[in-house]
C-alpha atoms as a PDB file:
ATOM      1  CA  UNK A   1      -0.671   3.811 -17.462  1.00  0.00           C
ATOM      2  CA  UNK A   2      -0.332   0.900 -14.970  1.00  0.00           C
ATOM      3  CA  UNK A   3       2.106   1.350 -12.246  1.00  0.00           C
ATOM      4  CA  UNK A   4       4.543  -1.498 -10.989  1.00  0.00           C
ATOM      5  CA  UNK A   5       6.847  -3.790 -12.760  1.00  0.00           C
ATOM      6  CA  UNK A   6       6.256  -4.865 -16.123  1.00  0.00           C
ATOM      7  CA  UNK A   7       7.550  -8.691 -15.867  1.00  0.00           C
ATOM      8  CA  UNK A   8       8.056 -10.735 -18.780  1.00  0.00           C
ATOM      9  CA  UNK A   9       7.416 -14.093 -16.668  1.00  0.00           C
ATOM     10  CA  UNK A  10       3.795 -15.226 -17.060  1.00  0.00           C
ATOM     11  CA  UNK A  11       1.701 -15.754 -13.718  1.00  0.00           C
ATOM     12  CA  UNK A  12       2.253 -19.484 -13.312  1.00  0.00           C
ATOM     13  CA  UNK A  13       1.927 -19.877  -9.532  1.00  0.00           C
ATOM     14  CA  UNK A  14       0.917 -23.299  -9.696  1.00  0.00           C
ATOM     15  CA  UNK A  15       4.340 -24.372 -10.898  1.00  0.00           C
ATOM     16  CA  UNK A  16       6.391 -26.821  -8.798  1.00  0.00           C
ATOM     17  CA  UNK A  17       8.063 -25.535  -5.833  1.00  0.00           C
ATOM     18  CA  UNK A  18      11.038 -27.083  -4.265  1.00  0.00           C
ATOM     19  CA  UNK A  19      11.928 -26.630  -0.613  1.00  0.00           C
ATOM     20  CA  UNK A  20      15.390 -25.101  -0.278  1.00  0.00           C
ATOM     21  CA  UNK A  21      17.768 -23.875   2.504  1.00  0.00           C
ATOM     22  CA  UNK A  22      19.517 -20.699   1.236  1.00  0.00           C
ATOM     23  CA  UNK A  23      20.684 -17.722   3.035  1.00  0.00           C
ATOM     24  CA  UNK A  24      21.804 -15.043   0.715  1.00  0.00           C
ATOM     25  CA  UNK A  25      22.499 -11.287   0.656  1.00  0.00           C
ATOM     26  CA  UNK A  26      20.484  -9.224  -1.796  1.00  0.00           C
ATOM     27  CA  UNK A  27      20.954  -5.615  -2.931  1.00  0.00           C
ATOM     28  CA  UNK A  28      17.981  -3.396  -2.470  1.00  0.00           C
ATOM     29  CA  UNK A  29      18.083   0.092  -4.195  1.00  0.00           C
ATOM     30  CA  UNK A  30      16.821   1.968  -0.873  1.00  0.00           C
ATOM     31  CA  UNK A  31      17.663  -0.429   1.973  1.00  0.00           C
ATOM     32  CA  UNK A  32      21.095  -1.606   0.655  1.00  0.00           C
ATOM     33  CA  UNK A  33      22.088  -5.131   1.464  1.00  0.00           C
ATOM     34  CA  UNK A  34      19.717  -7.373   2.980  1.00  0.00           C
ATOM     35  CA  UNK A  35      19.905 -11.038   4.393  1.00  0.00           C
ATOM     36  CA  UNK A  36      16.983 -13.211   2.872  1.00  0.00           C
ATOM     37  CA  UNK A  37      16.313 -16.690   3.936  1.00  0.00           C
ATOM     38  CA  UNK A  38      14.825 -18.393   0.725  1.00  0.00           C
ATOM     39  CA  UNK A  39      12.613 -21.536   1.827  1.00  0.00           C
ATOM     40  CA  UNK A  40      11.282 -22.783  -1.360  1.00  0.00           C
ATOM     41  CA  UNK A  41      11.951 -21.954  -5.095  1.00  0.00           C
ATOM     42  CA  UNK A  42      10.552 -22.677  -8.436  1.00  0.00           C
ATOM     43  CA  UNK A  43      11.823 -21.616 -12.061  1.00  0.00           C
ATOM     44  CA  UNK A  44       9.533 -18.309 -11.985  1.00  0.00           C
ATOM     45  CA  UNK A  45      10.426 -17.231  -8.280  1.00  0.00           C
ATOM     46  CA  UNK A  46      10.912 -17.968  -4.649  1.00  0.00           C
ATOM     47  CA  UNK A  47       9.500 -17.405  -1.036  1.00  0.00           C
ATOM     48  CA  UNK A  48      11.250 -16.138   1.932  1.00  0.00           C
ATOM     49  CA  UNK A  49      10.376 -16.158   5.572  1.00  0.00           C
ATOM     50  CA  UNK A  50      11.902 -13.117   6.946  1.00  0.00           C
ATOM     51  CA  UNK A  51      10.299 -10.342   4.965  1.00  0.00           C
ATOM     52  CA  UNK A  52       9.834  -7.853   7.860  1.00  0.00           C
ATOM     53  CA  UNK A  53      11.404  -4.962   5.800  1.00  0.00           C
ATOM     54  CA  UNK A  54      10.131  -5.689   2.446  1.00  0.00           C
ATOM     55  CA  UNK A  55       7.049  -4.485   0.855  1.00  0.00           C
ATOM     56  CA  UNK A  56       4.988  -5.553  -2.026  1.00  0.00           C
ATOM     57  CA  UNK A  57       6.716  -4.064  -5.523  1.00  0.00           C
ATOM     58  CA  UNK A  58      10.290  -4.104  -4.051  1.00  0.00           C
ATOM     59  CA  UNK A  59      13.020  -5.018  -6.349  1.00  0.00           C
ATOM     60  CA  UNK A  60      16.103  -6.863  -5.291  1.00  0.00           C
ATOM     61  CA  UNK A  61      19.250  -8.060  -7.046  1.00  0.00           C
ATOM     62  CA  UNK A  62      20.384 -11.589  -5.907  1.00  0.00           C
ATOM     63  CA  UNK A  63      22.962 -14.252  -6.629  1.00  0.00           C
ATOM     64  CA  UNK A  64      22.032 -17.717  -6.698  1.00  0.00           C
ATOM     65  CA  UNK A  65      24.306 -20.663  -6.878  1.00  0.00           C
ATOM     66  CA  UNK A  66      24.554 -21.783 -10.445  1.00  0.00           C
ATOM     67  CA  UNK A  67      22.421 -19.065 -11.888  1.00  0.00           C
ATOM     68  CA  UNK A  68      24.117 -16.215 -10.735  1.00  0.00           C
ATOM     69  CA  UNK A  69      22.730 -12.708 -10.464  1.00  0.00           C
ATOM     70  CA  UNK A  70      19.142 -12.313 -11.109  1.00  0.00           C
ATOM     71  CA  UNK A  71      16.556  -9.675 -10.540  1.00  0.00           C
ATOM     72  CA  UNK A  72      13.353 -10.391  -8.721  1.00  0.00           C
ATOM     73  CA  UNK A  73      10.204  -8.489  -7.776  1.00  0.00           C
ATOM     74  CA  UNK A  74       8.194  -8.814  -4.459  1.00  0.00           C
ATOM     75  CA  UNK A  75       4.656  -9.854  -5.372  1.00  0.00           C
ATOM     76  CA  UNK A  76       3.115 -10.544  -2.078  1.00  0.00           C
ATOM     77  CA  UNK A  77       3.757 -10.221   1.647  1.00  0.00           C
ATOM     78  CA  UNK A  78       2.045 -12.014   4.603  1.00  0.00           C
ATOM     79  CA  UNK A  79       3.111 -11.899   8.055  1.00  0.00           C
ATOM     80  CA  UNK A  80       7.059 -12.348   7.915  1.00  0.00           C
ATOM     81  CA  UNK A  81       6.712 -14.243   4.359  1.00  0.00           C
ATOM     82  CA  UNK A  82       7.024 -12.693   0.931  1.00  0.00           C
ATOM     83  CA  UNK A  83       7.013 -14.230  -2.579  1.00  0.00           C
ATOM     84  CA  UNK A  84       9.175 -12.987  -5.523  1.00  0.00           C
ATOM     85  CA  UNK A  85       8.985 -13.252  -9.070  1.00  0.00           C
ATOM     86  CA  UNK A  86      12.056 -13.614 -11.109  1.00  0.00           C
ATOM     87  CA  UNK A  87      12.571 -11.131 -13.914  1.00  0.00           C
ATOM     88  CA  UNK A  88      13.010 -14.062 -16.091  1.00  0.00           C
ATOM     89  CA  UNK A  89      12.549 -17.836 -16.131  1.00  0.00           C
ATOM     90  CA  UNK A  90      15.280 -20.069 -14.815  1.00  0.00           C
ATOM     91  CA  UNK A  91      16.728 -22.379 -17.453  1.00  0.00           C
ATOM     92  CA  UNK A  92      15.564 -26.026 -16.232  1.00  0.00           C
ATOM     93  CA  UNK A  93      19.208 -27.397 -16.264  1.00  0.00           C
ATOM     94  CA  UNK A  94      20.441 -24.557 -13.939  1.00  0.00           C
ATOM     95  CA  UNK A  95      17.232 -24.952 -11.847  1.00  0.00           C
ATOM     96  CA  UNK A  96      17.634 -28.534 -11.432  1.00  0.00           C
ATOM     97  CA  UNK A  97      21.284 -27.948 -10.235  1.00  0.00           C
ATOM     98  CA  UNK A  98      20.428 -25.200  -8.055  1.00  0.00           C
ATOM     99  CA  UNK A  99      17.697 -27.330  -6.025  1.00  0.00           C
ATOM    100  CA  UNK A 100      20.033 -30.134  -5.583  1.00  0.00           C
ATOM    101  CA  UNK A 101      22.702 -27.772  -4.136  1.00  0.00           C
ATOM    102  CA  UNK A 102      20.300 -26.140  -1.917  1.00  0.00           C
ATOM    103  CA  UNK A 103      18.287 -28.966  -0.841  1.00  0.00           C
ATOM    104  CA  UNK A 104      17.650 -28.654   2.779  1.00  0.00           C
ATOM    105  CA  UNK A 105      17.930 -32.561   3.603  1.00  0.00           C
ATOM    106  CA  UNK A 106      21.604 -33.473   3.213  1.00  0.00           C
ATOM    107  CA  UNK A 107      20.514 -37.132   2.726  1.00  0.00           C
ATOM    108  CA  UNK A 108      18.559 -36.182  -0.702  1.00  0.00           C
ATOM    109  CA  UNK A 109      21.751 -34.627  -2.143  1.00  0.00           C
ATOM    110  CA  UNK A 110      23.788 -36.427  -4.692  1.00  0.00           C
ATOM    111  CA  UNK A 111      27.190 -37.722  -3.827  1.00  0.00           C
ATOM    112  CA  UNK A 112      30.014 -35.633  -5.504  1.00  0.00           C
END
């Protein structure tokens, strides 16, 4: 029997990623609450740049604007970066609003 997470999201790492600026607290089963800095996101997952305490296979529960609570699994780590895959794909309309709200360049955000 294979070990590790059995994810329903297909491996589509070539999907478009958008730069974001998002600091969020995630729940980790063993380490408790951890502050993560998300630097890019796609409908399948996200990358952080402060992964010093995380390992491949770690599972976290995070809260995203628009999307709400969603589980993600650490698929890879390198230096201080890590890539996570969501437990499910984000809905395209939610994803578009999420990217708009977390766009790192305020000049590219829509006026409200």
